[in-house]
C-alpha atoms as a PDB file:
ATOM      1  CA  MET A   1      16.078 -38.545 -30.623  1.00  0.00           C
ATOM      2  CA  VAL A   2      16.642 -34.993 -31.901  1.00  0.00           C
ATOM      3  CA  ASP A   3      13.896 -32.804 -33.337  1.00  0.00           C
ATOM      4  CA  SER A   4      12.928 -33.929 -36.844  1.00  0.00           C
ATOM      5  CA  TYR A   5      13.741 -30.502 -38.354  1.00  0.00           C
ATOM      6  CA  ILE A   6      17.437 -31.190 -37.692  1.00  0.00           C
ATOM      7  CA  LYS A   7      19.179 -33.545 -40.089  1.00  0.00           C
ATOM      8  CA  PRO A   8      21.136 -36.214 -38.143  1.00  0.00           C
ATOM      9  CA  GLY A   9      24.219 -35.701 -40.305  1.00  0.00           C
ATOM     10  CA  LEU A  10      24.478 -32.100 -39.099  1.00  0.00           C
ATOM     11  CA  LEU A  11      25.092 -33.228 -35.513  1.00  0.00           C
ATOM     12  CA  ASP A  12      27.768 -35.692 -36.594  1.00  0.00           C
ATOM     13  CA  TRP A  13      29.567 -32.890 -38.441  1.00  0.00           C
ATOM     14  CA  ILE A  14      29.272 -30.504 -35.486  1.00  0.00           C
ATOM     15  CA  LYS A  15      30.613 -33.031 -32.988  1.00  0.00           C
ATOM     16  CA  SER A  16      33.580 -33.907 -35.164  1.00  0.00           C
ATOM     17  CA  SER A  17      34.394 -30.309 -36.174  1.00  0.00           C
ATOM     18  CA  PHE A  18      33.758 -28.294 -33.007  1.00  0.00           C
ATOM     19  CA  ARG A  19      34.539 -30.556 -30.077  1.00  0.00           C
ATOM     20  CA  SER A  20      35.228 -27.696 -27.635  1.00  0.00           C
ATOM     21  CA  SER A  21      32.244 -25.498 -28.601  1.00  0.00           C
ATOM     22  CA  PRO A  22      29.237 -25.476 -26.240  1.00  0.00           C
ATOM     23  CA  LEU A  23      26.282 -27.127 -27.986  1.00  0.00           C
ATOM     24  CA  PHE A  24      22.585 -27.189 -27.069  1.00  0.00           C
ATOM     25  CA  VAL A  25      20.127 -29.331 -29.045  1.00  0.00           C
ATOM     26  CA  ARG A  26      16.360 -29.687 -28.837  1.00  0.00           C
ATOM     27  CA  LEU A  27      15.206 -33.293 -28.504  1.00  0.00           C
ATOM     28  CA  TYR A  28      12.005 -34.573 -30.050  1.00  0.00           C
ATOM     29  CA  PRO A  29       9.661 -34.517 -27.032  1.00  0.00           C
ATOM     30  CA  HIS A  30       7.140 -37.150 -28.121  1.00  0.00           C
ATOM     31  CA  ALA A  31       9.253 -40.241 -28.714  1.00  0.00           C
ATOM     32  CA  ALA A  32      12.253 -42.055 -27.324  1.00  0.00           C
ATOM     33  CA  TYR A  33      14.032 -45.113 -28.722  1.00  0.00           C
ATOM     34  CA  THR A  34      16.227 -47.735 -27.163  1.00  0.00           C
ATOM     35  CA  ASP A  35      17.593 -48.540 -30.627  1.00  0.00           C
ATOM     36  CA  LEU A  36      18.439 -45.950 -33.278  1.00  0.00           C
ATOM     37  CA  PRO A  37      15.701 -45.951 -36.010  1.00  0.00           C
ATOM     38  CA  LEU A  38      16.463 -45.961 -39.719  1.00  0.00           C
ATOM     39  CA  ILE A  39      16.892 -42.520 -41.314  1.00  0.00           C
ATOM     40  CA  ASP A  40      15.115 -42.019 -44.048  1.00  0.00           C
ATOM     41  CA  LEU A  41      15.598 -24.004 -60.491  1.00  0.00           C
ATOM     42  CA  GLU A  42      15.409 -20.739 -61.077  1.00  0.00           C
ATOM     43  CA  GLU A  43      14.598 -17.800 -58.784  1.00  0.00           C
ATOM     44  CA  ALA A  44      14.198 -14.041 -58.667  1.00  0.00           C
ATOM     45  CA  VAL A  45      16.677 -11.847 -56.843  1.00  0.00           C
ATOM     46  CA  VAL A  46      14.484  -9.104 -55.454  1.00  0.00           C
ATOM     47  CA  LEU A  47      17.311  -7.488 -53.517  1.00  0.00           C
ATOM     48  CA  PRO A  48      20.832  -8.731 -54.318  1.00  0.00           C
ATOM     49  CA  ALA A  49      23.401  -9.086 -51.567  1.00  0.00           C
ATOM     50  CA  ASN A  50      26.157  -6.558 -50.985  1.00  0.00           C
ATOM     51  CA  PRO A  51      29.092  -8.681 -52.185  1.00  0.00           C
ATOM     52  CA  ASN A  52      31.760  -6.907 -50.169  1.00  0.00           C
ATOM     53  CA  TRP A  53      30.873  -6.493 -46.482  1.00  0.00           C
ATOM     54  CA  TRP A  54      31.637 -10.048 -45.405  1.00  0.00           C
ATOM     55  CA  LYS A  55      35.290 -10.066 -46.496  1.00  0.00           C
ATOM     56  CA  ASN A  56      36.329  -7.880 -43.542  1.00  0.00           C
ATOM     57  CA  LEU A  57      33.005  -7.519 -41.714  1.00  0.00           C
ATOM     58  CA  THR A  58      32.764  -3.963 -43.017  1.00  0.00           C
ATOM     59  CA  ILE A  59      29.386  -3.075 -41.562  1.00  0.00           C
ATOM     60  CA  HIS A  60      29.579   0.298 -39.810  1.00  0.00           C
ATOM     61  CA  ASN A  61      28.002   0.817 -36.401  1.00  0.00           C
ATOM     62  CA  GLY A  62      24.308   1.594 -36.698  1.00  0.00           C
ATOM     63  CA  THR A  63      23.976   0.294 -40.279  1.00  0.00           C
ATOM     64  CA  ARG A  64      22.631  -2.831 -41.951  1.00  0.00           C
ATOM     65  CA  THR A  65      22.534  -4.688 -45.257  1.00  0.00           C
ATOM     66  CA  GLY A  66      20.461  -7.591 -46.542  1.00  0.00           C
ATOM     67  CA  SER A  67      19.176  -9.583 -49.493  1.00  0.00           C
ATOM     68  CA  VAL A  68      15.958 -11.189 -50.749  1.00  0.00           C
ATOM     69  CA  TYR A  69      15.559 -14.177 -53.097  1.00  0.00           C
ATOM     70  CA  LEU A  70      12.173 -15.398 -54.368  1.00  0.00           C
ATOM     71  CA  LEU A  71      11.430 -18.832 -55.779  1.00  0.00           C
ATOM     72  CA  GLU A  72       9.068 -18.578 -58.731  1.00  0.00           C
ATOM     73  CA  ASP A  73       6.527 -21.032 -60.086  1.00  0.00           C
ATOM     74  CA  CYS A  74       7.318 -22.734 -63.390  1.00  0.00           C
ATOM     75  CA  LEU A  75       6.275 -25.512 -65.729  1.00  0.00           C
ATOM     76  CA  PRO A  76       8.008 -28.849 -65.163  1.00  0.00           C
ATOM     77  CA  SER A  77      10.890 -29.696 -67.472  1.00  0.00           C
ATOM     78  CA  LYS A  78      14.292 -31.322 -67.281  1.00  0.00           C
ATOM     79  CA  GLU A  79      15.900 -27.953 -66.561  1.00  0.00           C
ATOM     80  CA  THR A  80      13.313 -26.784 -64.011  1.00  0.00           C
ATOM     81  CA  SER A  81      12.477 -30.021 -62.210  1.00  0.00           C
ATOM     82  CA  LEU A  82      14.111 -28.976 -58.925  1.00  0.00           C
ATOM     83  CA  GLN A  83      12.559 -25.507 -59.028  1.00  0.00           C
ATOM     84  CA  TYR A  84       9.148 -27.012 -59.809  1.00  0.00           C
ATOM     85  CA  TRP A  85       9.435 -29.523 -56.947  1.00  0.00           C
ATOM     86  CA  GLU A  86      10.602 -26.930 -54.415  1.00  0.00           C
ATOM     87  CA  TYR A  87       7.793 -24.514 -55.301  1.00  0.00           C
ATOM     88  CA  ARG A  88       4.856 -26.892 -55.832  1.00  0.00           C
ATOM     89  CA  PHE A  89       5.595 -29.706 -53.366  1.00  0.00           C
ATOM     90  CA  THR A  90       8.003 -28.326 -50.767  1.00  0.00           C
ATOM     91  CA  GLY A  91       6.259 -24.967 -50.633  1.00  0.00           C
ATOM     92  CA  ILE A  92       9.370 -22.773 -50.597  1.00  0.00           C
ATOM     93  CA  ARG A  93       8.712 -19.129 -51.443  1.00  0.00           C
ATOM     94  CA  LYS A  94      11.679 -16.984 -50.397  1.00  0.00           C
ATOM     95  CA  LEU A  95      14.979 -16.683 -48.576  1.00  0.00           C
ATOM     96  CA  GLU A  96      15.825 -13.414 -46.818  1.00  0.00           C
ATOM     97  CA  THR A  97      18.908 -12.218 -44.969  1.00  0.00           C
ATOM     98  CA  ILE A  98      19.825  -9.215 -42.861  1.00  0.00           C
ATOM     99  CA  VAL A  99      23.130  -8.232 -41.260  1.00  0.00           C
ATOM    100  CA  SER A 100      23.389  -5.315 -38.838  1.00  0.00           C
ATOM    101  CA  ARG A 101      25.864  -3.823 -36.396  1.00  0.00           C
ATOM    102  CA  ASP A 102      24.527  -1.873 -33.435  1.00  0.00           C
ATOM    103  CA  HIS A 103      26.011   1.328 -32.064  1.00  0.00           C
ATOM    104  CA  ASN A 104      28.186  -0.690 -29.674  1.00  0.00           C
ATOM    105  CA  GLY A 105      29.800  -2.625 -32.531  1.00  0.00           C
ATOM    106  CA  HIS A 106      27.920  -5.904 -31.993  1.00  0.00           C
ATOM    107  CA  LEU A 107      27.222  -7.611 -35.350  1.00  0.00           C
ATOM    108  CA  SER A 108      24.248  -9.930 -35.820  1.00  0.00           C
ATOM    109  CA  MET A 109      22.858 -11.797 -38.806  1.00  0.00           C
ATOM    110  CA  MET A 110      19.521 -13.456 -39.448  1.00  0.00           C
ATOM    111  CA  LEU A 111      18.436 -15.644 -42.351  1.00  0.00           C
ATOM    112  CA  GLU A 112      14.943 -17.055 -42.875  1.00  0.00           C
ATOM    113  CA  GLU A 113      13.539 -19.425 -45.489  1.00  0.00           C
ATOM    114  CA  VAL A 114       9.752 -19.130 -45.774  1.00  0.00           C
ATOM    115  CA  ASN A 115       7.670 -22.250 -46.473  1.00  0.00           C
ATOM    116  CA  VAL A 116       3.913 -22.073 -47.229  1.00  0.00           C
ATOM    117  CA  ARG A 117       3.267 -25.792 -47.655  1.00  0.00           C
ATOM    118  CA  ASP A 118       0.971 -25.839 -44.593  1.00  0.00           C
ATOM    119  CA  ASN A 119      -0.857 -22.614 -45.455  1.00  0.00           C
ATOM    120  CA  SER A 120      -4.043 -24.593 -46.175  1.00  0.00           C
ATOM    121  CA  SER A 121      -3.927 -25.675 -42.529  1.00  0.00           C
ATOM    122  CA  GLY A 122      -3.705 -22.068 -41.395  1.00  0.00           C
ATOM    123  CA  PHE A 123      -0.012 -21.489 -40.852  1.00  0.00           C
ATOM    124  CA  ILE A 124       3.327 -21.043 -42.585  1.00  0.00           C
ATOM    125  CA  ILE A 125       6.826 -21.894 -41.359  1.00  0.00           C
ATOM    126  CA  GLY A 126      10.091 -20.022 -41.385  1.00  0.00           C
ATOM    127  CA  ARG A 127      13.366 -21.880 -40.991  1.00  0.00           C
ATOM    128  CA  CYS A 128      15.567 -19.364 -39.221  1.00  0.00           C
ATOM    129  CA  ILE A 129      19.317 -19.083 -38.620  1.00  0.00           C
ATOM    130  CA  HIS A 130      20.537 -16.398 -36.231  1.00  0.00           C
ATOM    131  CA  LEU A 131      24.145 -15.638 -35.323  1.00  0.00           C
ATOM    132  CA  ASP A 132      26.215 -12.895 -33.758  1.00  0.00           C
ATOM    133  CA  THR A 133      29.799 -11.790 -33.146  1.00  0.00           C
ATOM    134  CA  ASN A 134      31.723  -9.055 -31.376  1.00  0.00           C
ATOM    135  CA  GLU A 135      34.488  -9.080 -33.995  1.00  0.00           C
ATOM    136  CA  PRO A 136      35.243  -5.451 -34.956  1.00  0.00           C
ATOM    137  CA  PHE A 137      34.992  -3.714 -38.315  1.00  0.00           C
ATOM    138  CA  GLY A 138      37.932  -4.845 -40.465  1.00  0.00           C
ATOM    139  CA  THR A 139      38.227  -8.394 -39.111  1.00  0.00           C
ATOM    140  CA  PRO A 140      38.908 -10.889 -41.951  1.00  0.00           C
ATOM    141  CA  PHE A 141      35.905 -13.169 -42.398  1.00  0.00           C
ATOM    142  CA  GLU A 142      38.026 -16.329 -42.223  1.00  0.00           C
ATOM    143  CA  GLU A 143      39.412 -15.270 -38.832  1.00  0.00           C
ATOM    144  CA  ALA A 144      36.100 -14.224 -37.266  1.00  0.00           C
ATOM    145  CA  THR A 145      34.524 -16.271 -34.472  1.00  0.00           C
ATOM    146  CA  LEU A 146      30.803 -16.336 -33.776  1.00  0.00           C
ATOM    147  CA  LYS A 147      29.583 -15.888 -30.222  1.00  0.00           C
ATOM    148  CA  HIS A 148      26.713 -18.194 -31.107  1.00  0.00           C
ATOM    149  CA  LEU A 149      24.704 -19.621 -33.986  1.00  0.00           C
ATOM    150  CA  ASP A 150      21.224 -21.036 -33.512  1.00  0.00           C
ATOM    151  CA  LEU A 151      18.610 -22.790 -35.610  1.00  0.00           C
ATOM    152  CA  ALA A 152      14.931 -22.175 -34.978  1.00  0.00           C
ATOM    153  CA  ILE A 153      11.497 -22.761 -36.470  1.00  0.00           C
ATOM    154  CA  ASN A 154       9.145 -19.775 -36.666  1.00  0.00           C
ATOM    155  CA  VAL A 155       5.433 -20.516 -37.073  1.00  0.00           C
ATOM    156  CA  TYR A 156       3.114 -17.783 -38.347  1.00  0.00           C
ATOM    157  CA  PHE A 157      -0.682 -17.977 -37.880  1.00  0.00           C
ATOM    158  CA  LYS A 158      -3.633 -15.886 -39.085  1.00  0.00           C
ATOM    159  CA  THR A 159      -2.772 -12.220 -39.762  1.00  0.00           C
ATOM    160  CA  SER A 160       0.927 -12.937 -39.229  1.00  0.00           C
ATOM    161  CA  ILE A 161       0.931 -14.971 -42.462  1.00  0.00           C
ATOM    162  CA  ALA A 162       0.145 -12.031 -44.741  1.00  0.00           C
ATOM    163  CA  GLN A 163       2.466  -9.803 -42.725  1.00  0.00           C
ATOM    164  CA  ARG A 164       5.362 -12.222 -43.079  1.00  0.00           C
ATOM    165  CA  MET A 165       4.815 -12.758 -46.801  1.00  0.00           C
ATOM    166  CA  THR A 166       4.888  -9.012 -47.533  1.00  0.00           C
ATOM    167  CA  ALA A 167       7.546  -8.045 -44.982  1.00  0.00           C
ATOM    168  CA  SER A 168      11.230  -7.800 -45.892  1.00  0.00           C
ATOM    169  CA  LEU A 169      13.917  -8.686 -43.375  1.00  0.00           C
ATOM    170  CA  ALA A 170      16.465  -6.986 -45.600  1.00  0.00           C
ATOM    171  CA  LYS A 171      14.653  -3.673 -45.220  1.00  0.00           C
ATOM    172  CA  GLY A 172      14.389  -4.023 -41.467  1.00  0.00           C
ATOM    173  CA  ASP A 173      10.716  -5.092 -41.345  1.00  0.00           C
ATOM    174  CA  LYS A 174       9.815  -7.090 -38.252  1.00  0.00           C
ATOM    175  CA  VAL A 175       7.014  -9.627 -37.876  1.00  0.00           C
ATOM    176  CA  ASP A 176       6.723 -11.516 -34.618  1.00  0.00           C
ATOM    177  CA  ALA A 177       6.242 -15.250 -35.091  1.00  0.00           C
ATOM    178  CA  THR A 178       3.217 -16.737 -33.357  1.00  0.00           C
ATOM    179  CA  TYR A 179       5.460 -19.506 -32.050  1.00  0.00           C
ATOM    180  CA  ARG A 180       9.218 -19.984 -32.125  1.00  0.00           C
ATOM    181  CA  THR A 181      10.987 -23.235 -31.332  1.00  0.00           C
ATOM    182  CA  HIS A 182      14.743 -23.207 -30.851  1.00  0.00           C
ATOM    183  CA  LEU A 183      16.285 -26.401 -32.205  1.00  0.00           C
ATOM    184  CA  LEU A 184      20.026 -25.988 -31.745  1.00  0.00           C
ATOM    185  CA  ARG A 185      22.560 -23.502 -30.387  1.00  0.00           C
ATOM    186  CA  ILE A 186      26.320 -23.696 -30.726  1.00  0.00           C
ATOM    187  CA  GLU A 187      28.905 -21.212 -29.474  1.00  0.00           C
ATOM    188  CA  ASN A 188      32.421 -20.106 -30.398  1.00  0.00           C
ATOM    189  CA  ILE A 189      32.635 -21.445 -33.952  1.00  0.00           C
ATOM    190  CA  PRO A 190      34.236 -19.964 -37.109  1.00  0.00           C
ATOM    191  CA  PHE A 191      32.050 -17.601 -39.151  1.00  0.00           C
ATOM    192  CA  PRO A 192      32.581 -19.624 -42.386  1.00  0.00           C
ATOM    193  CA  SER A 193      30.831 -22.611 -40.760  1.00  0.00           C
ATOM    194  CA  LEU A 194      27.610 -20.747 -41.603  1.00  0.00           C
ATOM    195  CA  PHE A 195      27.865 -22.159 -45.131  1.00  0.00           C
ATOM    196  CA  LEU A 196      27.293 -25.762 -44.100  1.00  0.00           C
ATOM    197  CA  PHE A 197      24.593 -24.887 -41.575  1.00  0.00           C
ATOM    198  CA  ALA A 198      22.660 -23.043 -44.299  1.00  0.00           C
ATOM    199  CA  GLN A 199      23.071 -25.831 -46.849  1.00  0.00           C
ATOM    200  CA  THR A 200      21.972 -28.438 -44.309  1.00  0.00           C
ATOM    201  CA  PHE A 201      19.137 -26.633 -42.533  1.00  0.00           C
ATOM    202  CA  PHE A 202      17.386 -24.824 -45.375  1.00  0.00           C
ATOM    203  CA  LEU A 203      15.288 -26.898 -47.786  1.00  0.00           C
ATOM    204  CA  SER A 204      15.752 -24.951 -51.026  1.00  0.00           C
ATOM    205  CA  LYS A 205      18.871 -25.894 -52.957  1.00  0.00           C
ATOM    206  CA  ASN A 206      17.971 -23.239 -55.541  1.00  0.00           C
ATOM    207  CA  LEU A 207      17.790 -20.296 -53.150  1.00  0.00           C
ATOM    208  CA  VAL A 208      20.777 -21.291 -51.032  1.00  0.00           C
ATOM    209  CA  LYS A 209      22.861 -21.740 -54.179  1.00  0.00           C
ATOM    210  CA  GLU A 210      21.798 -18.320 -55.430  1.00  0.00           C
ATOM    211  CA  TRP A 211      22.608 -16.666 -52.098  1.00  0.00           C
ATOM    212  CA  LEU A 212      26.032 -18.307 -51.717  1.00  0.00           C
ATOM    213  CA  GLU A 213      27.038 -17.428 -55.265  1.00  0.00           C
ATOM    214  CA  ASP A 214      25.645 -13.905 -55.015  1.00  0.00           C
ATOM    215  CA  GLN A 215      26.971 -13.035 -51.553  1.00  0.00           C
ATOM    216  CA  PHE A 216      30.176 -15.048 -51.229  1.00  0.00           C
ATOM    217  CA  HIS A 217      31.064 -15.800 -54.860  1.00  0.00           C
ATOM    218  CA  LEU A 218      31.051 -19.520 -54.048  1.00  0.00           C
ATOM    219  CA  THR A 219      30.535 -22.045 -56.826  1.00  0.00           C
ATOM    220  CA  VAL A 220      27.897 -24.493 -55.628  1.00  0.00           C
ATOM    221  CA  THR A 221      27.540 -27.813 -57.423  1.00  0.00           C
ATOM    222  CA  GLU A 222      24.560 -30.104 -57.023  1.00  0.00           C
END
């Protein structure tokens, strides 16, 4: 049985789409089954994405770019029901991204969705996607291959909670998670596969939709 943070459908898609790509998956360590069990809107753009870098990976060595999207509280209505649910019951607060290329030309990207649902218990959770590539400046996005993409859960306790809530990945702020659990790693896959990983792994349909439309000009339908 895989870790419960990973949706089972994601693994089916990976296995059918990337048969030759090395894949590493965290199993749920507290249970094993002989038979498969049954499987059970509006936000603030604090820092909009640069809409151009991704087309040809035009991030210069030693530079970075990023974006920040906040989910805001609202009154429940027909138009805001999803936003209300995500904020009040799921506990989503923000989605942040950062893309950087080091002085050797290595490009990396990190995205984190911050969830405060368990803050009353003394911690908050970040769903994190990290990926990297050695594709050079000028490589068309559709032709770029990722060295790896991984999914992880970051858990922040005590003083790290306030630090994470005020920090901005997009501005280069760093807050070390109290605990990090790697859930899945896959290697040698197309860069555009990031879209489905983000839509499957992150909980907020509102924030992911905003990011995809803002960054990649994709029309996302519910």
